[in-house]
Protein backbone atom coordinates (compact mmCIF):
# COMPACT_ATOMS: atom_id res chain seq x y z
CA UNK A 1 87.80 112.78 128.71
CA UNK A 2 90.04 110.15 127.16
CA UNK A 3 92.89 111.37 125.03
CA UNK A 4 92.08 108.63 122.56
CA UNK A 5 88.43 109.47 121.90
CA UNK A 6 87.91 111.84 119.02
CA UNK A 7 86.17 114.94 120.35
CA UNK A 8 82.96 116.01 118.64
CA UNK A 9 83.23 119.69 117.86
CA UNK A 10 79.95 121.59 117.48
CA UNK A 11 80.10 124.96 115.76
CA UNK A 12 77.36 127.34 116.82
CA UNK A 13 76.63 130.19 114.39
CA UNK A 14 74.66 133.07 115.83
CA UNK A 15 72.66 135.13 113.36
CA UNK A 16 71.51 138.55 114.41
CA UNK A 17 68.72 140.52 112.75
CA UNK A 18 70.31 143.80 113.77
CA UNK A 19 72.43 145.59 111.17
CA UNK A 20 76.18 145.01 111.18
CA UNK A 21 78.12 147.07 113.66
CA UNK A 22 81.66 147.54 114.92
CA UNK A 23 81.30 144.65 117.37
CA UNK A 24 80.11 142.09 114.81
CA UNK A 25 82.17 138.90 114.57
CA UNK A 26 84.84 139.08 111.87
CA UNK A 27 84.60 136.63 108.97
CA UNK A 28 86.41 133.32 109.60
CA UNK A 29 90.00 133.15 108.47
CA UNK A 30 90.45 130.51 105.76
CA UNK A 31 92.66 127.62 106.90
CA UNK A 32 96.22 127.43 105.69
CA UNK A 33 98.54 124.48 105.35
CA UNK A 34 101.09 124.43 108.19
CA UNK A 35 104.49 125.77 107.14
CA UNK A 36 107.12 123.06 107.67
CA UNK A 37 109.77 124.47 105.32
CA UNK A 38 112.13 125.11 108.27
CA UNK A 39 112.03 121.38 109.15
CA UNK A 40 110.62 121.66 112.70
CA UNK A 41 109.95 117.91 112.83
CA UNK A 42 113.05 116.57 111.10
CA UNK A 43 114.43 114.97 114.28
CA UNK A 44 111.44 114.40 116.56
CA UNK A 45 107.70 115.13 116.77
CA UNK A 46 106.23 118.28 118.27
CA UNK A 47 106.21 118.58 122.05
CA UNK A 48 103.38 116.59 123.67
CA UNK A 49 100.37 118.43 125.05
CA UNK A 50 99.73 115.94 127.85
CA UNK A 51 101.60 113.59 130.19
CA UNK A 52 101.54 110.54 127.92
CA UNK A 53 105.27 110.71 127.21
CA UNK A 54 106.55 111.49 130.69
CA UNK A 55 109.46 109.14 131.38
CA UNK A 56 109.35 107.29 134.73
CA UNK A 57 111.73 108.53 137.40
CA UNK A 58 115.22 107.14 136.99
CA UNK A 59 114.81 106.44 133.28
CA UNK A 60 116.23 108.46 130.40
CA UNK A 61 114.09 109.60 127.51
CA UNK A 62 114.80 107.69 124.27
CA UNK A 63 117.29 109.48 122.04
CA UNK A 64 115.90 110.63 118.68
CA UNK A 65 116.40 108.25 115.77
CA UNK A 66 119.25 109.16 113.41
CA UNK A 67 118.25 111.14 110.34
CA UNK A 68 119.38 109.14 107.27
CA UNK A 69 121.56 110.92 104.73
CA UNK A 70 120.94 110.84 101.85
CA UNK A 71 117.19 110.83 102.35
CA UNK A 72 115.47 107.47 101.94
CA UNK A 73 113.69 107.38 98.59
CA UNK A 74 115.70 110.12 96.93
CA UNK A 75 117.40 113.40 97.76
CA UNK A 76 114.36 115.51 96.80
CA UNK A 77 112.48 113.92 99.68
CA UNK A 78 114.88 115.50 102.17
CA UNK A 79 112.99 118.80 101.77
CA UNK A 80 110.47 119.65 104.47
CA UNK A 81 108.07 121.85 102.51
CA UNK A 82 105.90 120.91 99.56
CA UNK A 83 107.71 118.72 97.00
CA UNK A 84 106.13 118.70 93.54
CA UNK A 85 107.31 117.67 90.08
CA UNK A 86 107.72 120.37 87.47
CA UNK A 87 104.43 121.35 85.88
CA UNK A 88 102.28 119.90 88.67
CA UNK A 89 98.92 121.58 89.26
CA UNK A 90 98.38 123.79 92.32
CA UNK A 91 97.65 121.86 95.49
CA UNK A 92 94.12 121.80 96.89
CA UNK A 93 93.38 124.42 99.53
CA UNK A 94 92.64 123.70 103.17
CA UNK A 95 95.04 120.80 103.75
CA UNK A 96 95.71 120.94 107.50
CA UNK A 97 98.13 118.02 107.77
CA UNK A 98 101.68 119.08 108.55
CA UNK A 99 103.09 116.13 106.62
CA UNK A 100 101.67 113.95 103.85
CA UNK A 101 102.63 111.92 100.80
CA UNK A 102 100.91 110.58 97.67
CA UNK A 103 102.61 107.74 95.78
CA UNK A 104 101.84 105.16 93.10
CA UNK A 105 101.47 101.84 94.89
CA UNK A 106 102.66 99.73 91.95
CA UNK A 107 105.43 101.82 90.36
CA UNK A 108 106.36 103.11 93.86
CA UNK A 109 106.94 106.58 92.42
CA UNK A 110 106.25 109.41 94.86
CA UNK A 111 103.96 111.86 93.04
CA UNK A 112 103.82 114.74 95.51
CA UNK A 113 104.61 115.20 99.19
CA UNK A 114 105.00 117.62 102.06
CA UNK A 115 107.56 116.99 104.81
CA UNK A 116 107.56 113.28 103.92
CA UNK A 117 110.32 112.37 106.38
CA UNK A 118 109.11 114.60 109.20
CA UNK A 119 108.79 112.67 112.47
CA UNK A 120 105.20 112.53 113.72
CA UNK A 121 103.21 110.34 116.09
CA UNK A 122 101.28 107.63 114.22
CA UNK A 123 98.35 107.08 116.62
CA UNK A 124 96.35 104.04 115.50
CA UNK A 125 97.82 103.91 112.00
CA UNK A 126 100.69 101.94 113.59
CA UNK A 127 98.20 99.08 114.03
CA UNK A 128 98.91 98.29 110.37
CA UNK A 129 102.44 97.32 111.41
CA UNK A 130 101.07 95.17 114.26
CA UNK A 131 98.77 93.46 111.76
CA UNK A 132 101.74 92.68 109.51
CA UNK A 133 103.60 91.02 112.39
CA UNK A 134 100.51 89.03 113.37
CA UNK A 135 99.95 87.86 109.78
CA UNK A 136 103.60 86.78 109.62
CA UNK A 137 103.53 84.80 112.87
CA UNK A 138 100.05 83.68 113.93
CA UNK A 139 97.43 81.44 112.35
CA UNK A 140 94.19 83.25 111.57
CA UNK A 141 92.18 80.41 113.12
CA UNK A 142 94.22 80.40 116.36
CA UNK A 143 91.95 80.86 119.41
CA UNK A 144 92.79 83.67 121.84
CA UNK A 145 91.19 83.96 125.27
CA UNK A 146 90.68 87.59 126.24
CA UNK A 147 91.80 88.84 129.65
CA UNK A 148 90.66 91.57 131.99
CA UNK A 149 93.70 93.60 130.89
CA UNK A 150 92.40 93.49 127.32
CA UNK A 151 88.94 94.51 128.52
CA UNK A 152 90.31 97.45 130.53
CA UNK A 153 92.41 98.94 127.71
CA UNK A 154 92.26 102.71 127.35
CA UNK A 155 90.72 104.32 124.29
CA UNK A 156 88.76 102.87 121.40
CA UNK A 157 87.58 99.31 122.03
CA UNK A 158 85.98 96.61 119.94
CA UNK A 159 84.27 94.99 122.92
CA UNK A 160 86.24 91.90 123.92
CA UNK A 161 85.15 90.28 127.17
CA UNK A 162 87.38 88.62 129.78
CA UNK A 163 87.30 84.86 129.36
CA UNK A 164 85.73 85.03 125.91
CA UNK A 165 87.49 83.25 123.06
CA UNK A 166 88.19 84.91 119.71
CA UNK A 167 90.13 83.89 116.64
CA UNK A 168 93.13 85.88 115.49
CA UNK A 169 91.12 86.80 112.39
CA UNK A 170 88.30 88.29 114.48
CA UNK A 171 90.79 90.28 116.55
CA UNK A 172 92.41 91.59 113.36
CA UNK A 173 89.00 92.72 112.14
CA UNK A 174 88.43 94.59 115.39
CA UNK A 175 91.95 96.01 115.22
CA UNK A 176 91.73 97.36 111.68
CA UNK A 177 88.05 98.18 111.24
CA UNK A 178 87.21 99.90 114.55
CA UNK A 179 90.74 100.44 115.88
CA UNK A 180 90.17 98.34 119.01
CA UNK A 181 92.95 98.84 121.54
CA UNK A 182 91.56 95.80 123.36
CA UNK A 183 92.23 93.74 120.23
CA UNK A 184 95.72 95.23 119.96
CA UNK A 185 96.48 94.22 123.54
CA UNK A 186 95.18 90.68 123.02
CA UNK A 187 97.23 90.23 119.85
CA UNK A 188 100.37 91.68 121.43
CA UNK A 189 99.98 89.33 124.39
CA UNK A 190 99.58 86.37 122.02
CA UNK A 191 102.80 87.36 120.23
CA UNK A 192 104.66 87.08 123.54
CA UNK A 193 103.72 90.19 125.47
CA UNK A 194 103.85 93.96 125.18
CA UNK A 195 107.63 94.34 124.93
CA UNK A 196 108.02 91.38 122.59
CA UNK A 197 105.33 92.73 120.27
CA UNK A 198 106.92 96.19 120.23
CA UNK A 199 110.29 94.62 119.42
CA UNK A 200 108.82 92.55 116.59
CA UNK A 201 107.10 95.62 115.16
CA UNK A 202 110.36 97.57 115.19
CA UNK A 203 112.14 94.65 113.52
CA UNK A 204 109.46 94.55 110.82
CA UNK A 205 109.76 98.29 110.25
CA UNK A 206 113.52 97.89 109.80
CA UNK A 207 113.10 95.11 107.22
CA UNK A 208 110.77 97.37 105.23
CA UNK A 209 113.26 100.25 105.23
CA UNK A 210 111.11 102.45 107.49
CA UNK A 211 113.95 104.35 109.16
CA UNK A 212 111.82 107.12 110.70
CA UNK A 213 109.76 104.61 112.65
CA UNK A 214 110.13 103.64 116.29
CA UNK A 215 107.21 101.81 117.89
CA UNK A 216 106.64 102.40 121.59
CA UNK A 217 103.18 100.82 121.97
CA UNK A 218 101.39 98.13 119.93
CA UNK A 219 98.13 100.09 119.74
CA UNK A 220 99.51 103.51 118.84
CA UNK A 221 98.80 105.06 122.23
CA UNK A 222 101.37 107.81 122.73
CA UNK A 223 104.51 106.74 124.59
CA UNK A 224 108.08 108.06 124.90
CA UNK A 225 110.05 107.75 121.67
CA UNK A 226 107.12 106.90 119.40
CA UNK A 227 107.48 108.27 115.88
CA UNK A 228 107.05 107.54 112.21
CA UNK A 229 106.70 109.64 109.05
CA UNK A 230 104.28 109.98 106.13
CA UNK A 231 106.89 108.25 103.97
CA UNK A 232 107.21 105.30 106.35
CA UNK A 233 103.44 104.93 106.72
CA UNK A 234 103.14 104.70 102.93
CA UNK A 235 105.90 102.05 102.83
CA UNK A 236 104.27 100.05 105.65
CA UNK A 237 100.80 100.18 104.12
CA UNK A 238 102.16 99.26 100.70
CA UNK A 239 103.72 96.15 102.25
CA UNK A 240 100.45 95.30 104.02
CA UNK A 241 98.50 95.55 100.76
CA UNK A 242 100.51 92.63 99.36
CA UNK A 243 98.77 90.35 101.89
CA UNK A 244 95.35 89.14 100.68
CA UNK A 245 94.01 88.68 104.23
CA UNK A 246 94.89 92.26 105.10
CA UNK A 247 93.34 93.56 101.87
CA UNK A 248 90.15 91.67 102.63
CA UNK A 249 89.78 93.08 106.14
CA UNK A 250 90.44 96.74 105.33
CA UNK A 251 87.99 96.60 102.42
CA UNK A 252 85.11 95.40 104.61
CA UNK A 253 82.34 97.83 105.50
CA UNK A 254 80.92 95.63 108.26
CA UNK A 255 81.66 92.39 110.11
CA UNK A 256 80.02 90.46 112.93
CA UNK A 257 81.97 90.52 116.20
CA UNK A 258 81.29 87.81 118.80
CA UNK A 259 79.58 88.63 122.06
CA UNK A 260 80.63 87.56 125.55
CA UNK A 261 79.02 86.72 128.89
CA UNK A 262 78.38 89.38 131.49
CA UNK A 263 81.52 90.66 133.19
CA UNK A 264 80.04 91.46 136.62
CA UNK A 265 77.06 89.96 138.47
CA UNK A 266 74.98 93.07 137.86
CA UNK A 267 75.95 93.13 134.18
CA UNK A 268 74.02 91.53 131.33
CA UNK A 269 75.23 89.28 128.56
CA UNK A 270 76.77 91.03 125.58
CA UNK A 271 75.42 89.62 122.32
CA UNK A 272 77.31 89.57 119.04
CA UNK A 273 77.03 92.81 117.12
CA UNK A 274 77.84 94.20 113.67
CA UNK A 275 80.87 96.49 113.69
CA UNK A 276 81.36 99.07 110.96
CA UNK A 277 84.57 100.38 109.49
CA UNK A 278 85.85 103.76 110.66
CA UNK A 279 87.23 104.41 107.18
CA UNK A 280 84.73 106.82 105.69
CA UNK A 281 86.11 106.36 102.18
CA UNK A 282 85.18 102.67 102.31
CA UNK A 283 81.96 103.20 104.26
CA UNK A 284 80.68 105.99 102.01
CA UNK A 285 81.69 104.29 98.78
CA UNK A 286 84.33 106.74 97.59
CA UNK A 287 85.14 105.46 94.08
CA UNK A 288 87.95 102.93 94.16
CA UNK A 289 88.59 102.98 97.92
CA UNK A 290 90.45 99.75 98.75
CA UNK A 291 91.04 100.31 102.46
CA UNK A 292 92.90 102.36 104.99
CA UNK A 293 93.54 103.03 108.66
CA UNK A 294 92.61 106.01 110.78
CA UNK A 295 94.24 107.38 113.91
CA UNK A 296 93.92 110.12 116.50
CA UNK A 297 95.37 111.12 119.85
CA UNK A 298 95.69 114.53 121.46
CA UNK A 299 99.41 114.54 120.63
CA UNK A 300 99.29 112.88 117.20
CA UNK A 301 96.18 114.74 116.05
CA UNK A 302 94.50 113.17 113.01
CA UNK A 303 96.41 110.59 110.99
CA UNK A 304 95.40 108.42 108.04
CA UNK A 305 96.88 106.01 105.53
CA UNK A 306 95.01 104.28 102.72
CA UNK A 307 94.80 103.19 99.09
CA UNK A 308 92.43 104.12 96.26
CA UNK A 309 92.31 102.59 92.76
CA UNK A 310 91.16 104.43 89.66
CA UNK A 311 91.45 103.33 86.02
CA UNK A 312 93.83 100.54 86.96
CA UNK A 313 96.12 102.84 88.95
CA UNK A 314 96.50 102.49 92.73
CA UNK A 315 97.65 105.39 94.89
CA UNK A 316 98.67 105.28 98.53
CA UNK A 317 98.21 108.38 100.69
CA UNK A 318 99.45 109.10 104.21
CA UNK A 319 98.47 112.19 106.23
CA UNK A 320 99.85 113.16 109.64
CA UNK A 321 99.32 115.81 112.30
CA UNK A 322 96.11 117.24 110.86
CA UNK A 323 92.82 118.61 112.15
CA UNK A 324 89.19 118.83 111.09
CA UNK A 325 87.78 122.07 109.74
CA UNK A 326 84.56 123.70 110.87
CA UNK A 327 83.03 123.48 107.40
CA UNK A 328 84.86 120.37 106.22
CA UNK A 329 86.14 117.07 107.53
CA UNK A 330 89.50 115.40 107.39
CA UNK A 331 87.97 113.08 104.79
CA UNK A 332 87.41 116.02 102.47
CA UNK A 333 91.12 116.78 102.68
CA UNK A 334 91.89 113.10 102.03
CA UNK A 335 89.79 112.91 98.88
CA UNK A 336 91.20 116.23 97.65
CA UNK A 337 94.74 114.85 97.87
CA UNK A 338 93.75 111.60 96.18
CA UNK A 339 92.05 113.53 93.37
CA UNK A 340 95.17 115.66 92.96
CA UNK A 341 97.36 112.57 92.74
CA UNK A 342 95.19 110.93 90.09
CA UNK A 343 95.16 114.14 88.06
CA UNK A 344 98.97 114.29 87.98
CA UNK A 345 100.57 113.19 84.75
CA UNK A 346 101.67 109.58 84.66
CA UNK A 347 105.36 109.18 85.38
CA UNK A 348 105.65 112.41 87.37
CA UNK A 349 107.90 111.66 90.32
CA UNK A 350 109.90 113.29 93.11
CA UNK A 351 111.21 110.06 94.63
CA UNK A 352 110.45 106.40 95.25
CA UNK A 353 109.10 104.15 97.99
CA UNK A 354 111.79 101.69 99.05
CA UNK A 355 111.12 97.97 99.34
CA UNK A 356 113.63 97.18 102.06
CA UNK A 357 116.54 98.41 104.18
CA UNK A 358 119.56 100.09 102.61
CA UNK A 359 122.28 97.81 101.35
CA UNK A 360 125.21 97.63 103.76
CA UNK A 361 128.19 99.62 102.61
CA UNK A 362 131.44 97.71 102.09
CA UNK A 363 133.76 98.60 104.96
CA UNK A 364 137.24 99.83 104.06
CA UNK A 365 140.36 100.19 106.15
CA UNK A 366 140.75 103.75 107.40
CA UNK A 367 143.63 105.85 106.14
CA UNK A 368 145.25 108.93 107.58
CA UNK A 369 144.88 112.29 105.89
CA UNK A 370 146.88 112.44 102.68
CA UNK A 371 147.67 108.73 102.75
CA UNK A 372 146.76 106.65 99.74
CA UNK A 373 145.48 103.18 100.22
CA UNK A 374 147.59 100.75 98.13
CA UNK A 375 145.76 99.44 95.13
CA UNK A 376 144.71 95.81 95.23
CA UNK A 377 147.09 93.67 93.18
CA UNK A 378 145.43 91.43 90.63
CA UNK A 379 146.22 87.79 90.44
CA UNK A 380 149.08 87.68 87.89
CA UNK A 381 151.23 85.08 86.21
CA UNK A 382 154.15 86.01 88.50
CA UNK A 383 152.10 85.43 91.64
CA UNK A 384 150.91 82.10 90.28
CA UNK A 385 154.51 81.18 89.43
CA UNK A 386 155.59 82.07 92.94
CA UNK A 387 152.94 79.76 94.40
CA UNK A 388 154.05 76.94 92.07
CA UNK A 389 157.74 77.50 92.96
CA UNK A 390 156.96 77.36 96.66
CA UNK A 391 155.00 74.18 96.10
CA UNK A 392 157.92 72.53 94.26
CA UNK A 393 160.36 73.53 97.00
CA UNK A 394 158.01 72.11 99.61
CA UNK A 395 157.75 68.83 97.75
CA UNK A 396 161.55 68.52 97.44
CA UNK A 397 161.96 69.16 101.16
CA UNK A 398 159.32 66.55 101.96
CA UNK A 399 161.01 63.93 99.77
CA UNK A 400 164.39 64.69 101.34
CA UNK A 401 162.93 64.18 104.82
CA UNK A 402 161.32 60.90 103.76
CA UNK A 403 164.60 59.67 102.29
CA UNK A 404 166.45 60.64 105.44
CA UNK A 405 163.88 58.76 107.47
CA UNK A 406 164.40 55.61 105.43
CA UNK A 407 168.14 55.84 105.93
CA UNK A 408 167.66 56.13 109.67
CA UNK A 409 165.31 53.13 109.67
CA UNK A 410 167.77 51.04 107.70
CA UNK A 411 170.58 51.96 110.07
CA UNK A 412 168.46 51.09 113.09
CA UNK A 413 167.69 47.66 111.65
CA UNK A 414 171.30 46.84 111.14
């Protein structure tokens, strides 16, 4: 079974007519939020459960990204447990995500968070960053011819066919609405290839100030060194929501995707079909849902980032490393966190979402221990006088040389 296909879990409840006995099943233990207060993911994500991040022989594993100090967005966000403003209401029960964040999209104030800078695998939520790069660099009407490599991509697919022609806009719809890895591969190839696309995505993350993010695959498939954080996902999605084309795509419930001719002689033609968004908040009409992006792999578990508007206020939420519950879904946890954020008092904040990279610090000459660096001398009248004096002396010398030259010329003419 593919690592990238979300497993359908069926819970079978057996009811017995016999009276309860010593061997009866115990009542289910209520879920608890993972304890991250000891910062287990500060430097890198949890160990993988499969072989997706095995480094080829002869290559070294990527070193973990540096941990910024002070924490990006404010010192309070350096904590790894729950971070709440004073007087905040109790958090909803049953939140299974190890890390998450709720922030005001417009004021950029972080309302509440848990392990916001923990390093986690993004899964398909990183496609938002790919979409940003594509929107920066490619025309939406540009035609793209799909290849067999696109068609053969692992995991979720939109249904591109080799030799079929799609516009960049159609591929973005497939990328963001149904998380098509085939669309991700086609767009990455159009940007210049796999490695070029990954490099451009990392450059874009850096310009946004997303310092926990390292992209290792354009689609979000797990690969060595891949990481981001709830904080970074919120920053990335906030940037994407400034683009009207992006906003339009993630708000769609359905869109028509072109068909393609049969791939093999025994195949049949593939007609165009309506694709439907994987974002249940948009599909089910959750009040104010403006869009979002889902993700899942065996190593990343469930991830999500999205925006909801209510009474003129827009909140962005990112969840990472979560699971479904037997009697609930991840979407129930998502709406519970959104509801909590909207119920918080306006202005409550534990940090901010940055809008770009940190400003470079002015470099200073090093000094030895105990040595004082001499203070810079201001421009004074004495220094100006010195420059004038030197100028006068230079002029006198020049005139003297000219006069001497004239004397020599006169003597030579005699």
